[in-house]
């Protein structure tokens, strides 16, 4: 199917609880993942929750990357949603796996915006 975008939904199991509770480091890693994917950062915001956990989102010109962590379960989930021909969310995921070092990960990819249902004939993924 030709689509407007790719959306990777990734669950990471067995990550360091200390790392998953560090918003500064997680933001740095996600920004590097944006760079690796070929996307362009527009803005970002990260928040730490009490007693633990981090949520963050990076708005990119091509959509967004978002993370939520559960340090108490050594678990993180990330959405890599990208649009455009020059952006590859899988490169972002590969980088995040290198730095989070999960024991296991589950990846689901969803094509967003089925072009066969639209009157649109420009660049498609």
PDB file of N, CA and C in Angstrom:
ATOM      1  N   UNK A   1       0.839  -1.182   0.000  1.00  0.00           N
ATOM      2  CA  UNK A   1       0.000   0.000   0.000  1.00  0.00           C
ATOM      3  C   UNK A   1       0.883   1.245   0.000  1.00  0.00           C
ATOM      4  N   UNK A   2       0.592   2.170  -0.871  1.00  0.00           N
ATOM      5  CA  UNK A   2       1.255   3.474  -0.863  1.00  0.00           C
ATOM      6  C   UNK A   2       0.593   4.333   0.208  1.00  0.00           C
ATOM      7  N   UNK A   3       1.429   5.018   1.017  1.00  0.00           N
ATOM      8  CA  UNK A   3       0.888   5.783   2.136  1.00  0.00           C
ATOM      9  C   UNK A   3       1.604   7.109   2.300  1.00  0.00           C
ATOM     10  N   UNK A   4       0.990   7.968   3.107  1.00  0.00           N
ATOM     11  CA  UNK A   4       1.596   9.259   3.429  1.00  0.00           C
ATOM     12  C   UNK A   4       2.679   9.137   4.489  1.00  0.00           C
ATOM     13  N   UNK A   5       2.565   8.139   5.355  1.00  0.00           N
ATOM     14  CA  UNK A   5       3.523   8.052   6.444  1.00  0.00           C
ATOM     15  C   UNK A   5       3.707   6.654   6.984  1.00  0.00           C
ATOM     16  N   UNK A   6       4.773   6.528   7.783  1.00  0.00           N
ATOM     17  CA  UNK A   6       5.079   5.282   8.485  1.00  0.00           C
ATOM     18  C   UNK A   6       5.022   5.569   9.977  1.00  0.00           C
ATOM     19  N   UNK A   7       4.421   4.650  10.717  1.00  0.00           N
ATOM     20  CA  UNK A   7       4.304   4.806  12.152  1.00  0.00           C
ATOM     21  C   UNK A   7       4.817   3.533  12.811  1.00  0.00           C
ATOM     22  N   UNK A   8       5.988   3.622  13.439  1.00  0.00           N
ATOM     23  CA  UNK A   8       6.523   2.495  14.199  1.00  0.00           C
ATOM     24  C   UNK A   8       6.087   2.642  15.642  1.00  0.00           C
ATOM     25  N   UNK A   9       5.486   1.588  16.178  1.00  0.00           N
ATOM     26  CA  UNK A   9       5.116   1.515  17.587  1.00  0.00           C
ATOM     27  C   UNK A   9       6.035   0.475  18.199  1.00  0.00           C
ATOM     28  N   UNK A  10       6.911   0.924  19.105  1.00  0.00           N
ATOM     29  CA  UNK A  10       7.946   0.027  19.615  1.00  0.00           C
ATOM     30  C   UNK A  10       7.861  -0.066  21.133  1.00  0.00           C
ATOM     31  N   UNK A  11       7.888  -1.293  21.636  1.00  0.00           N
ATOM     32  CA  UNK A  11       7.957  -1.565  23.068  1.00  0.00           C
ATOM     33  C   UNK A  11       9.327  -2.147  23.368  1.00  0.00           C
ATOM     34  N   UNK A  12       9.996  -1.572  24.367  1.00  0.00           N
ATOM     35  CA  UNK A  12      11.325  -2.022  24.783  1.00  0.00           C
ATOM     36  C   UNK A  12      11.235  -2.591  26.200  1.00  0.00           C
ATOM     37  N   UNK A  13      11.659  -3.829  26.366  1.00  0.00           N
ATOM     38  CA  UNK A  13      11.611  -4.523  27.647  1.00  0.00           C
ATOM     39  C   UNK A  13      13.022  -4.749  28.177  1.00  0.00           C
ATOM     40  N   UNK A  14      13.181  -4.665  29.497  1.00  0.00           N
ATOM     41  CA  UNK A  14      14.462  -4.973  30.116  1.00  0.00           C
ATOM     42  C   UNK A  14      15.500  -3.877  29.984  1.00  0.00           C
ATOM     43  N   UNK A  15      15.057  -2.631  29.970  1.00  0.00           N
ATOM     44  CA  UNK A  15      15.982  -1.486  29.898  1.00  0.00           C
ATOM     45  C   UNK A  15      16.402  -1.068  31.308  1.00  0.00           C
ATOM     46  N   UNK A  16      17.454  -0.273  31.395  1.00  0.00           N
ATOM     47  CA  UNK A  16      17.932   0.250  32.672  1.00  0.00           C
ATOM     48  C   UNK A  16      16.900   1.200  33.274  1.00  0.00           C
ATOM     49  N   UNK A  17      16.475   0.926  34.508  1.00  0.00           N
ATOM     50  CA  UNK A  17      15.498   1.800  35.165  1.00  0.00           C
ATOM     51  C   UNK A  17      16.067   3.191  35.416  1.00  0.00           C
ATOM     52  N   UNK A  18      17.359   3.278  35.682  1.00  0.00           N
ATOM     53  CA  UNK A  18      17.992   4.583  35.900  1.00  0.00           C
ATOM     54  C   UNK A  18      17.918   5.426  34.625  1.00  0.00           C
ATOM     55  N   UNK A  19      18.256   4.827  33.508  1.00  0.00           N
ATOM     56  CA  UNK A  19      18.198   5.525  32.218  1.00  0.00           C
ATOM     57  C   UNK A  19      16.769   5.949  31.896  1.00  0.00           C
ATOM     58  N   UNK A  20      15.806   5.082  32.163  1.00  0.00           N
ATOM     59  CA  UNK A  20      14.414   5.379  31.829  1.00  0.00           C
ATOM     60  C   UNK A  20      13.804   6.463  32.699  1.00  0.00           C
ATOM     61  N   UNK A  21      14.523   6.889  33.728  1.00  0.00           N
ATOM     62  CA  UNK A  21      14.034   7.964  34.593  1.00  0.00           C
ATOM     63  C   UNK A  21      14.853   9.244  34.425  1.00  0.00           C
ATOM     64  N   UNK A  22      15.632   9.333  33.351  1.00  0.00           N
ATOM     65  CA  UNK A  22      16.511  10.482  33.104  1.00  0.00           C
ATOM     66  C   UNK A  22      16.011  11.271  31.889  1.00  0.00           C
ATOM     67  N   UNK A  23      15.215  12.324  32.112  1.00  0.00           N
ATOM     68  CA  UNK A  23      14.635  13.054  30.985  1.00  0.00           C
ATOM     69  C   UNK A  23      15.672  13.757  30.107  1.00  0.00           C
ATOM     70  N   UNK A  24      16.759  14.213  30.689  1.00  0.00           N
ATOM     71  CA  UNK A  24      17.793  14.911  29.915  1.00  0.00           C
ATOM     72  C   UNK A  24      18.458  13.952  28.935  1.00  0.00           C
ATOM     73  N   UNK A  25      18.826  12.792  29.423  1.00  0.00           N
ATOM     74  CA  UNK A  25      19.468  11.799  28.564  1.00  0.00           C
ATOM     75  C   UNK A  25      18.496  11.259  27.515  1.00  0.00           C
ATOM     76  N   UNK A  26      17.261  10.987  27.908  1.00  0.00           N
ATOM     77  CA  UNK A  26      16.273  10.484  26.957  1.00  0.00           C
ATOM     78  C   UNK A  26      16.002  11.502  25.845  1.00  0.00           C
ATOM     79  N   UNK A  27      15.928  12.775  26.207  1.00  0.00           N
ATOM     80  CA  UNK A  27      15.724  13.811  25.189  1.00  0.00           C
ATOM     81  C   UNK A  27      16.920  13.861  24.230  1.00  0.00           C
ATOM     82  N   UNK A  28      18.116  13.772  24.775  1.00  0.00           N
ATOM     83  CA  UNK A  28      19.314  13.766  23.923  1.00  0.00           C
ATOM     84  C   UNK A  28      19.282  12.569  22.958  1.00  0.00           C
ATOM     85  N   UNK A  29      18.938  11.404  23.482  1.00  0.00           N
ATOM     86  CA  UNK A  29      18.878  10.204  22.643  1.00  0.00           C
ATOM     87  C   UNK A  29      17.798  10.321  21.562  1.00  0.00           C
ATOM     88  N   UNK A  30      16.626  10.824  21.945  1.00  0.00           N
ATOM     89  CA  UNK A  30      15.560  10.943  20.951  1.00  0.00           C
ATOM     90  C   UNK A  30      15.903  11.988  19.884  1.00  0.00           C
ATOM     91  N   UNK A  31      16.567  13.069  20.285  1.00  0.00           N
ATOM     92  CA  UNK A  31      16.993  14.062  19.292  1.00  0.00           C
ATOM     93  C   UNK A  31      18.019  13.459  18.332  1.00  0.00           C
ATOM     94  N   UNK A  32      18.905  12.638  18.833  1.00  0.00           N
ATOM     95  CA  UNK A  32      19.864  11.980  17.953  1.00  0.00           C
ATOM     96  C   UNK A  32      19.139  11.004  17.026  1.00  0.00           C
ATOM     97  N   UNK A  33      18.111  10.332  17.529  1.00  0.00           N
ATOM     98  CA  UNK A  33      17.320   9.423  16.700  1.00  0.00           C
ATOM     99  C   UNK A  33      16.632  10.178  15.568  1.00  0.00           C
ATOM    100  N   UNK A  34      16.151  11.386  15.864  1.00  0.00           N
ATOM    101  CA  UNK A  34      15.559  12.230  14.814  1.00  0.00           C
ATOM    102  C   UNK A  34      16.596  12.483  13.735  1.00  0.00           C
ATOM    103  N   UNK A  35      17.786  12.865  14.147  1.00  0.00           N
ATOM    104  CA  UNK A  35      18.867  13.132  13.197  1.00  0.00           C
ATOM    105  C   UNK A  35      19.175  11.896  12.352  1.00  0.00           C
ATOM    106  N   UNK A  36      19.266  10.741  13.002  1.00  0.00           N
ATOM    107  CA  UNK A  36      19.572   9.495  12.282  1.00  0.00           C
ATOM    108  C   UNK A  36      18.487   9.157  11.256  1.00  0.00           C
ATOM    109  N   UNK A  37      17.248   9.530  11.552  1.00  0.00           N
ATOM    110  CA  UNK A  37      16.134   9.202  10.660  1.00  0.00           C
ATOM    111  C   UNK A  37      16.065  10.114   9.439  1.00  0.00           C
ATOM    112  N   UNK A  38      16.750  11.264   9.520  1.00  0.00           N
ATOM    113  CA  UNK A  38      16.687  12.234   8.431  1.00  0.00           C
ATOM    114  C   UNK A  38      15.591  13.272   8.600  1.00  0.00           C
ATOM    115  N   UNK A  39      14.957  13.296   9.770  1.00  0.00           N
ATOM    116  CA  UNK A  39      13.877  14.244  10.045  1.00  0.00           C
ATOM    117  C   UNK A  39      14.436  15.559  10.589  1.00  0.00           C
ATOM    118  N   UNK A  40      13.550  16.545  10.739  1.00  0.00           N
ATOM    119  CA  UNK A  40      13.919  17.885  11.189  1.00  0.00           C
ATOM    120  C   UNK A  40      13.163  18.238  12.465  1.00  0.00           C
ATOM    121  N   UNK A  41      13.888  18.572  13.529  1.00  0.00           N
ATOM    122  CA  UNK A  41      13.269  18.927  14.809  1.00  0.00           C
ATOM    123  C   UNK A  41      12.627  20.304  14.716  1.00  0.00           C
ATOM    124  N   UNK A  42      11.388  20.382  15.243  1.00  0.00           N
ATOM    125  CA  UNK A  42      10.682  21.651  15.361  1.00  0.00           C
ATOM    126  C   UNK A  42      10.697  22.105  16.822  1.00  0.00           C
ATOM    127  N   UNK A  43      10.336  21.195  17.736  1.00  0.00           N
ATOM    128  CA  UNK A  43      10.353  21.514  19.169  1.00  0.00           C
ATOM    129  C   UNK A  43      10.317  20.209  19.975  1.00  0.00           C
ATOM    130  N   UNK A  44      10.609  20.327  21.270  1.00  0.00           N
ATOM    131  CA  UNK A  44      10.525  19.150  22.129  1.00  0.00           C
ATOM    132  C   UNK A  44      10.155  19.557  23.542  1.00  0.00           C
ATOM    133  N   UNK A  45       9.533  18.625  24.241  1.00  0.00           N
ATOM    134  CA  UNK A  45       9.227  18.815  25.644  1.00  0.00           C
ATOM    135  C   UNK A  45       9.253  17.452  26.332  1.00  0.00           C
ATOM    136  N   UNK A  46       9.859  17.412  27.515  1.00  0.00           N
ATOM    137  CA  UNK A  46       9.966  16.187  28.303  1.00  0.00           C
ATOM    138  C   UNK A  46       9.550  16.494  29.726  1.00  0.00           C
ATOM    139  N   UNK A  47       8.902  15.518  30.377  1.00  0.00           N
ATOM    140  CA  UNK A  47       8.418  15.712  31.739  1.00  0.00           C
ATOM    141  C   UNK A  47       8.695  14.462  32.556  1.00  0.00           C
ATOM    142  N   UNK A  48       9.155  14.672  33.789  1.00  0.00           N
ATOM    143  CA  UNK A  48       9.359  13.582  34.739  1.00  0.00           C
ATOM    144  C   UNK A  48       8.151  13.518  35.658  1.00  0.00           C
ATOM    145  N   UNK A  49       7.712  12.310  35.948  1.00  0.00           N
ATOM    146  CA  UNK A  49       6.571  12.100  36.835  1.00  0.00           C
ATOM    147  C   UNK A  49       7.052  11.603  38.183  1.00  0.00           C
ATOM    148  N   UNK A  50       6.248  11.825  39.208  1.00  0.00           N
ATOM    149  CA  UNK A  50       6.537  11.340  40.557  1.00  0.00           C
ATOM    150  C   UNK A  50       5.707  10.097  40.813  1.00  0.00           C
ATOM    151  N   UNK A  51       6.264   9.049  41.332  1.00  0.00           N
ATOM    152  CA  UNK A  51       7.626   8.976  41.827  1.00  0.00           C
ATOM    153  C   UNK A  51       8.654   8.685  40.729  1.00  0.00           C
ATOM    154  N   UNK A  52       8.222   8.264  39.533  1.00  0.00           N
ATOM    155  CA  UNK A  52       9.188   7.997  38.472  1.00  0.00           C
ATOM    156  C   UNK A  52       8.455   7.874  37.147  1.00  0.00           C
ATOM    157  N   UNK A  53       9.226   7.922  36.078  1.00  0.00           N
ATOM    158  CA  UNK A  53       8.697   7.828  34.725  1.00  0.00           C
ATOM    159  C   UNK A  53       8.889   9.134  33.974  1.00  0.00           C
ATOM    160  N   UNK A  54       9.043   9.015  32.678  1.00  0.00           N
ATOM    161  CA  UNK A  54       9.265  10.176  31.818  1.00  0.00           C
ATOM    162  C   UNK A  54       8.353  10.057  30.603  1.00  0.00           C
ATOM    163  N   UNK A  55       7.778  11.173  30.218  1.00  0.00           N
ATOM    164  CA  UNK A  55       7.090  11.285  28.932  1.00  0.00           C
ATOM    165  C   UNK A  55       7.732  12.423  28.172  1.00  0.00           C
ATOM    166  N   UNK A  56       7.906  12.221  26.891  1.00  0.00           N
ATOM    167  CA  UNK A  56       8.490  13.272  26.071  1.00  0.00           C
ATOM    168  C   UNK A  56       8.016  13.161  24.638  1.00  0.00           C
ATOM    169  N   UNK A  57       8.012  14.307  23.981  1.00  0.00           N
ATOM    170  CA  UNK A  57       7.643  14.327  22.574  1.00  0.00           C
ATOM    171  C   UNK A  57       8.557  15.298  21.837  1.00  0.00           C
ATOM    172  N   UNK A  58       8.956  14.880  20.673  1.00  0.00           N
ATOM    173  CA  UNK A  58       9.698  15.757  19.785  1.00  0.00           C
ATOM    174  C   UNK A  58       8.835  15.939  18.547  1.00  0.00           C
ATOM    175  N   UNK A  59       8.435  17.165  18.328  1.00  0.00           N
ATOM    176  CA  UNK A  59       7.688  17.497  17.117  1.00  0.00           C
ATOM    177  C   UNK A  59       8.718  17.660  16.012  1.00  0.00           C
ATOM    178  N   UNK A  60       8.505  16.953  14.919  1.00  0.00           N
ATOM    179  CA  UNK A  60       9.389  17.066  13.771  1.00  0.00           C
ATOM    180  C   UNK A  60       8.578  17.623  12.605  1.00  0.00           C
ATOM    181  N   UNK A  61       9.252  18.210  11.653  1.00  0.00           N
ATOM    182  CA  UNK A  61       8.556  18.757  10.489  1.00  0.00           C
ATOM    183  C   UNK A  61       7.761  17.666   9.785  1.00  0.00           C
ATOM    184  N   UNK A  62       8.183  16.422   9.976  1.00  0.00           N
ATOM    185  CA  UNK A  62       7.565  15.281   9.308  1.00  0.00           C
ATOM    186  C   UNK A  62       6.599  14.507  10.201  1.00  0.00           C
ATOM    187  N   UNK A  63       6.304  14.950  11.408  1.00  0.00           N
ATOM    188  CA  UNK A  63       5.312  14.419  12.344  1.00  0.00           C
ATOM    189  C   UNK A  63       5.841  14.455  13.768  1.00  0.00           C
ATOM    190  N   UNK A  64       6.116  13.284  14.416  1.00  0.00           N
ATOM    191  CA  UNK A  64       6.577  13.319  15.813  1.00  0.00           C
ATOM    192  C   UNK A  64       7.230  12.003  16.233  1.00  0.00           C
ATOM    193  N   UNK A  65       8.053  12.109  17.278  1.00  0.00           N
ATOM    194  CA  UNK A  65       8.577  10.965  18.022  1.00  0.00           C
ATOM    195  C   UNK A  65       8.123  11.189  19.467  1.00  0.00           C
ATOM    196  N   UNK A  66       7.601  10.150  20.098  1.00  0.00           N
ATOM    197  CA  UNK A  66       7.135  10.279  21.483  1.00  0.00           C
ATOM    198  C   UNK A  66       7.590   9.068  22.292  1.00  0.00           C
ATOM    199  N   UNK A  67       7.897   9.319  23.571  1.00  0.00           N
ATOM    200  CA  UNK A  67       8.336   8.251  24.470  1.00  0.00           C
ATOM    201  C   UNK A  67       7.573   8.340  25.777  1.00  0.00           C
ATOM    202  N   UNK A  68       7.305   7.175  26.363  1.00  0.00           N
ATOM    203  CA  UNK A  68       6.811   7.108  27.734  1.00  0.00           C
ATOM    204  C   UNK A  68       7.519   5.944  28.406  1.00  0.00           C
ATOM    205  N   UNK A  69       8.001   6.181  29.621  1.00  0.00           N
ATOM    206  CA  UNK A  69       8.766   5.139  30.314  1.00  0.00           C
ATOM    207  C   UNK A  69       8.103   4.732  31.622  1.00  0.00           C
ATOM    208  N   UNK A  70       8.324   3.473  31.970  1.00  0.00           N
ATOM    209  CA  UNK A  70       7.913   2.886  33.233  1.00  0.00           C
ATOM    210  C   UNK A  70       9.175   2.268  33.843  1.00  0.00           C
ATOM    211  N   UNK A  71      10.000   3.078  34.528  1.00  0.00           N
ATOM    212  CA  UNK A  71      11.240   2.540  35.100  1.00  0.00           C
ATOM    213  C   UNK A  71      11.000   1.386  36.064  1.00  0.00           C
ATOM    214  N   UNK A  72       9.881   1.407  36.775  1.00  0.00           N
ATOM    215  CA  UNK A  72       9.594   0.340  37.737  1.00  0.00           C
ATOM    216  C   UNK A  72       9.395  -1.014  37.066  1.00  0.00           C
ATOM    217  N   UNK A  73       9.132  -0.995  35.758  1.00  0.00           N
ATOM    218  CA  UNK A  73       8.991  -2.241  34.983  1.00  0.00           C
ATOM    219  C   UNK A  73      10.118  -2.414  33.960  1.00  0.00           C
ATOM    220  N   UNK A  74      11.110  -1.518  33.980  1.00  0.00           N
ATOM    221  CA  UNK A  74      12.199  -1.540  32.999  1.00  0.00           C
ATOM    222  C   UNK A  74      11.651  -1.533  31.570  1.00  0.00           C
ATOM    223  N   UNK A  75      10.612  -0.733  31.352  1.00  0.00           N
ATOM    224  CA  UNK A  75       9.867  -0.727  30.094  1.00  0.00           C
ATOM    225  C   UNK A  75       9.731   0.687  29.530  1.00  0.00           C
ATOM    226  N   UNK A  76       9.837   0.787  28.217  1.00  0.00           N
ATOM    227  CA  UNK A  76       9.596   2.055  27.523  1.00  0.00           C
ATOM    228  C   UNK A  76       8.826   1.771  26.245  1.00  0.00           C
ATOM    229  N   UNK A  77       7.979   2.705  25.873  1.00  0.00           N
ATOM    230  CA  UNK A  77       7.305   2.617  24.575  1.00  0.00           C
ATOM    231  C   UNK A  77       7.608   3.904  23.811  1.00  0.00           C
ATOM    232  N   UNK A  78       7.842   3.738  22.511  1.00  0.00           N
ATOM    233  CA  UNK A  78       8.158   4.886  21.657  1.00  0.00           C
ATOM    234  C   UNK A  78       7.342   4.795  20.378  1.00  0.00           C
ATOM    235  N   UNK A  79       6.820   5.941  19.956  1.00  0.00           N
ATOM    236  CA  UNK A  79       6.190   6.095  18.645  1.00  0.00           C
ATOM    237  C   UNK A  79       7.154   6.865  17.760  1.00  0.00           C
ATOM    238  N   UNK A  80       7.447   6.317  16.605  1.00  0.00           N
ATOM    239  CA  UNK A  80       8.218   7.017  15.578  1.00  0.00           C
ATOM    240  C   UNK A  80       7.249   7.209  14.407  1.00  0.00           C
ATOM    241  N   UNK A  81       6.672   8.403  14.269  1.00  0.00           N
ATOM    242  CA  UNK A  81       5.711   8.659  13.198  1.00  0.00           C
ATOM    243  C   UNK A  81       6.343   9.648  12.236  1.00  0.00           C
ATOM    244  N   UNK A  82       6.545   9.213  10.993  1.00  0.00           N
ATOM    245  CA  UNK A  82       7.212  10.050  10.009  1.00  0.00           C
ATOM    246  C   UNK A  82       6.445  10.074   8.701  1.00  0.00           C
ATOM    247  N   UNK A  83       6.554  11.185   8.022  1.00  0.00           N
ATOM    248  CA  UNK A  83       5.993  11.351   6.689  1.00  0.00           C
ATOM    249  C   UNK A  83       7.111  11.869   5.790  1.00  0.00           C
ATOM    250  N   UNK A  84       7.013  11.586   4.531  1.00  0.00           N
ATOM    251  CA  UNK A  84       8.001  12.099   3.589  1.00  0.00           C
ATOM    252  C   UNK A  84       8.946  11.024   3.108  1.00  0.00           C
ATOM    253  N   UNK A  85       9.431  11.215   1.914  1.00  0.00           N
ATOM    254  CA  UNK A  85      10.273  10.209   1.256  1.00  0.00           C
ATOM    255  C   UNK A  85      11.677  10.110   1.843  1.00  0.00           C
ATOM    256  N   UNK A  86      12.194  11.176   2.419  1.00  0.00           N
ATOM    257  CA  UNK A  86      13.577  11.163   2.878  1.00  0.00           C
ATOM    258  C   UNK A  86      13.762  10.791   4.332  1.00  0.00           C
ATOM    259  N   UNK A  87      12.713  10.321   5.005  1.00  0.00           N
ATOM    260  CA  UNK A  87      12.779  10.039   6.431  1.00  0.00           C
ATOM    261  C   UNK A  87      12.563   8.539   6.652  1.00  0.00           C
ATOM    262  N   UNK A  88      13.402   7.944   7.512  1.00  0.00           N
ATOM    263  CA  UNK A  88      13.311   6.511   7.778  1.00  0.00           C
ATOM    264  C   UNK A  88      13.224   6.264   9.283  1.00  0.00           C
ATOM    265  N   UNK A  89      12.024   5.974   9.812  1.00  0.00           N
ATOM    266  CA  UNK A  89      11.892   5.759  11.254  1.00  0.00           C
ATOM    267  C   UNK A  89      12.640   4.524  11.753  1.00  0.00           C
ATOM    268  N   UNK A  90      12.916   3.576  10.873  1.00  0.00           N
ATOM    269  CA  UNK A  90      13.642   2.379  11.305  1.00  0.00           C
ATOM    270  C   UNK A  90      15.074   2.723  11.706  1.00  0.00           C
ATOM    271  N   UNK A  91      15.684   3.702  11.046  1.00  0.00           N
ATOM    272  CA  UNK A  91      17.033   4.135  11.452  1.00  0.00           C
ATOM    273  C   UNK A  91      16.990   4.723  12.859  1.00  0.00           C
ATOM    274  N   UNK A  92      15.913   5.454  13.187  1.00  0.00           N
ATOM    275  CA  UNK A  92      15.761   6.000  14.539  1.00  0.00           C
ATOM    276  C   UNK A  92      15.633   4.865  15.550  1.00  0.00           C
ATOM    277  N   UNK A  93      14.825   3.872  15.224  1.00  0.00           N
ATOM    278  CA  UNK A  93      14.655   2.732  16.123  1.00  0.00           C
ATOM    279  C   UNK A  93      15.966   1.987  16.331  1.00  0.00           C
ATOM    280  N   UNK A  94      16.719   1.785  15.264  1.00  0.00           N
ATOM    281  CA  UNK A  94      18.005   1.089  15.394  1.00  0.00           C
ATOM    282  C   UNK A  94      18.918   1.815  16.379  1.00  0.00           C
ATOM    283  N   UNK A  95      18.955   3.149  16.295  1.00  0.00           N
ATOM    284  CA  UNK A  95      19.795   3.925  17.206  1.00  0.00           C
ATOM    285  C   UNK A  95      19.292   3.795  18.647  1.00  0.00           C
ATOM    286  N   UNK A  96      17.991   3.927  18.854  1.00  0.00           N
ATOM    287  CA  UNK A  96      17.443   3.842  20.211  1.00  0.00           C
ATOM    288  C   UNK A  96      17.718   2.463  20.821  1.00  0.00           C
ATOM    289  N   UNK A  97      17.651   1.425  20.023  1.00  0.00           N
ATOM    290  CA  UNK A  97      17.988   0.096  20.550  1.00  0.00           C
ATOM    291  C   UNK A  97      19.456   0.025  20.978  1.00  0.00           C
ATOM    292  N   UNK A  98      20.328   0.724  20.263  1.00  0.00           N
ATOM    293  CA  UNK A  98      21.756   0.745  20.636  1.00  0.00           C
ATOM    294  C   UNK A  98      21.987   1.426  21.975  1.00  0.00           C
ATOM    295  N   UNK A  99      21.203   2.462  22.285  1.00  0.00           N
ATOM    296  CA  UNK A  99      21.461   3.215  23.517  1.00  0.00           C
ATOM    297  C   UNK A  99      20.619   2.743  24.694  1.00  0.00           C
ATOM    298  N   UNK A 100      19.409   2.237  24.450  1.00  0.00           N
ATOM    299  CA  UNK A 100      18.592   1.740  25.558  1.00  0.00           C
ATOM    300  C   UNK A 100      18.935   0.298  25.924  1.00  0.00           C
ATOM    301  N   UNK A 101      19.529  -0.431  24.992  1.00  0.00           N
ATOM    302  CA  UNK A 101      19.930  -1.820  25.206  1.00  0.00           C
ATOM    303  C   UNK A 101      18.816  -2.678  25.808  1.00  0.00           C
ATOM    304  N   UNK A 102      17.654  -2.710  25.184  1.00  0.00           N
ATOM    305  CA  UNK A 102      16.593  -3.558  25.725  1.00  0.00           C
ATOM    306  C   UNK A 102      16.955  -5.032  25.600  1.00  0.00           C
ATOM    307  N   UNK A 103      16.468  -5.830  26.531  1.00  0.00           N
ATOM    308  CA  UNK A 103      16.641  -7.276  26.425  1.00  0.00           C
ATOM    309  C   UNK A 103      15.761  -7.822  25.302  1.00  0.00           C
ATOM    310  N   UNK A 104      14.661  -7.128  25.058  1.00  0.00           N
ATOM    311  CA  UNK A 104      13.708  -7.557  24.027  1.00  0.00           C
ATOM    312  C   UNK A 104      12.949  -6.337  23.525  1.00  0.00           C
ATOM    313  N   UNK A 105      12.534  -6.376  22.264  1.00  0.00           N
ATOM    314  CA  UNK A 105      11.694  -5.300  21.744  1.00  0.00           C
ATOM    315  C   UNK A 105      10.649  -5.880  20.804  1.00  0.00           C
ATOM    316  N   UNK A 106       9.509  -5.223  20.776  1.00  0.00           N
ATOM    317  CA  UNK A 106       8.423  -5.565  19.860  1.00  0.00           C
ATOM    318  C   UNK A 106       8.164  -4.345  18.990  1.00  0.00           C
ATOM    319  N   UNK A 107       8.120  -4.557  17.675  1.00  0.00           N
ATOM    320  CA  UNK A 107       7.910  -3.463  16.737  1.00  0.00           C
ATOM    321  C   UNK A 107       6.689  -3.763  15.882  1.00  0.00           C
ATOM    322  N   UNK A 108       5.818  -2.780  15.812  1.00  0.00           N
ATOM    323  CA  UNK A 108       4.681  -2.853  14.892  1.00  0.00           C
ATOM    324  C   UNK A 108       4.774  -1.647  13.972  1.00  0.00           C
ATOM    325  N   UNK A 109       4.588  -1.863  12.691  1.00  0.00           N
ATOM    326  CA  UNK A 109       4.608  -0.754  11.740  1.00  0.00           C
ATOM    327  C   UNK A 109       3.238  -0.619  11.110  1.00  0.00           C
ATOM    328  N   UNK A 110       2.756   0.608  11.083  1.00  0.00           N
ATOM    329  CA  UNK A 110       1.458   0.916  10.500  1.00  0.00           C
ATOM    330  C   UNK A 110       1.662   1.941   9.393  1.00  0.00           C
ATOM    331  N   UNK A 111       1.118   1.665   8.233  1.00  0.00           N
ATOM    332  CA  UNK A 111       1.115   2.653   7.160  1.00  0.00           C
ATOM    333  C   UNK A 111      -0.021   3.627   7.452  1.00  0.00           C
ATOM    334  N   UNK A 112       0.273   4.912   7.395  1.00  0.00           N
ATOM    335  CA  UNK A 112      -0.726   5.938   7.704  1.00  0.00           C
ATOM    336  C   UNK A 112      -1.088   6.693   6.432  1.00  0.00           C
ATOM    337  N   UNK A 113      -2.368   6.865   6.192  1.00  0.00           N
ATOM    338  CA  UNK A 113      -2.829   7.635   5.046  1.00  0.00           C
ATOM    339  C   UNK A 113      -2.770   6.848   3.749  1.00  0.00           C
ATOM    340  N   UNK A 114      -3.672   5.913   3.563  1.00  0.00           N
ATOM    341  CA  UNK A 114      -3.738   5.072   2.365  1.00  0.00           C
ATOM    342  C   UNK A 114      -4.041   5.941   1.145  1.00  0.00           C
ATOM    343  N   UNK A 115      -3.057   6.059   0.249  1.00  0.00           N
ATOM    344  CA  UNK A 115      -3.209   6.941  -0.912  1.00  0.00           C
ATOM    345  C   UNK A 115      -4.256   6.457  -1.906  1.00  0.00           C
ATOM    346  N   UNK A 116      -4.600   5.178  -1.872  1.00  0.00           N
ATOM    347  CA  UNK A 116      -5.625   4.694  -2.794  1.00  0.00           C
ATOM    348  C   UNK A 116      -6.999   5.265  -2.449  1.00  0.00           C
ATOM    349  N   UNK A 117      -7.113   5.833  -1.262  1.00  0.00           N
ATOM    350  CA  UNK A 117      -8.385   6.431  -0.828  1.00  0.00           C
ATOM    351  C   UNK A 117      -8.375   7.944  -0.978  1.00  0.00           C
ATOM    352  N   UNK A 118      -7.305   8.483  -1.604  1.00  0.00           N
ATOM    353  CA  UNK A 118      -7.152   9.936  -1.742  1.00  0.00           C
ATOM    354  C   UNK A 118      -6.854  10.293  -3.185  1.00  0.00           C
ATOM    355  N   UNK A 119      -7.112  11.533  -3.501  1.00  0.00           N
ATOM    356  CA  UNK A 119      -6.741  12.068  -4.795  1.00  0.00           C
ATOM    357  C   UNK A 119      -5.393  12.771  -4.620  1.00  0.00           C
ATOM    358  N   UNK A 120      -4.327  11.969  -4.498  1.00  0.00           N
ATOM    359  CA  UNK A 120      -3.000  12.491  -4.172  1.00  0.00           C
ATOM    360  C   UNK A 120      -1.970  11.646  -4.891  1.00  0.00           C
ATOM    361  N   UNK A 121      -1.074  12.268  -5.640  1.00  0.00           N
ATOM    362  CA  UNK A 121      -0.142  11.493  -6.425  1.00  0.00           C
ATOM    363  C   UNK A 121       1.314  11.956  -6.296  1.00  0.00           C
ATOM    364  N   UNK A 122       1.650  12.653  -5.229  1.00  0.00           N
ATOM    365  CA  UNK A 122       3.031  13.059  -5.003  1.00  0.00           C
ATOM    366  C   UNK A 122       3.798  11.924  -4.354  1.00  0.00           C
ATOM    367  N   UNK A 123       4.901  12.277  -3.721  1.00  0.00           N
ATOM    368  CA  UNK A 123       5.775  11.300  -3.068  1.00  0.00           C
ATOM    369  C   UNK A 123       5.009  10.465  -2.057  1.00  0.00           C
ATOM    370  N   UNK A 124       5.158   9.165  -2.156  1.00  0.00           N
ATOM    371  CA  UNK A 124       4.520   8.249  -1.205  1.00  0.00           C
ATOM    372  C   UNK A 124       5.533   7.221  -0.758  1.00  0.00           C
ATOM    373  N   UNK A 125       5.302   6.650   0.390  1.00  0.00           N
ATOM    374  CA  UNK A 125       6.220   5.680   0.985  1.00  0.00           C
ATOM    375  C   UNK A 125       5.764   4.277   0.610  1.00  0.00           C
TER     376      UNK A 125
END
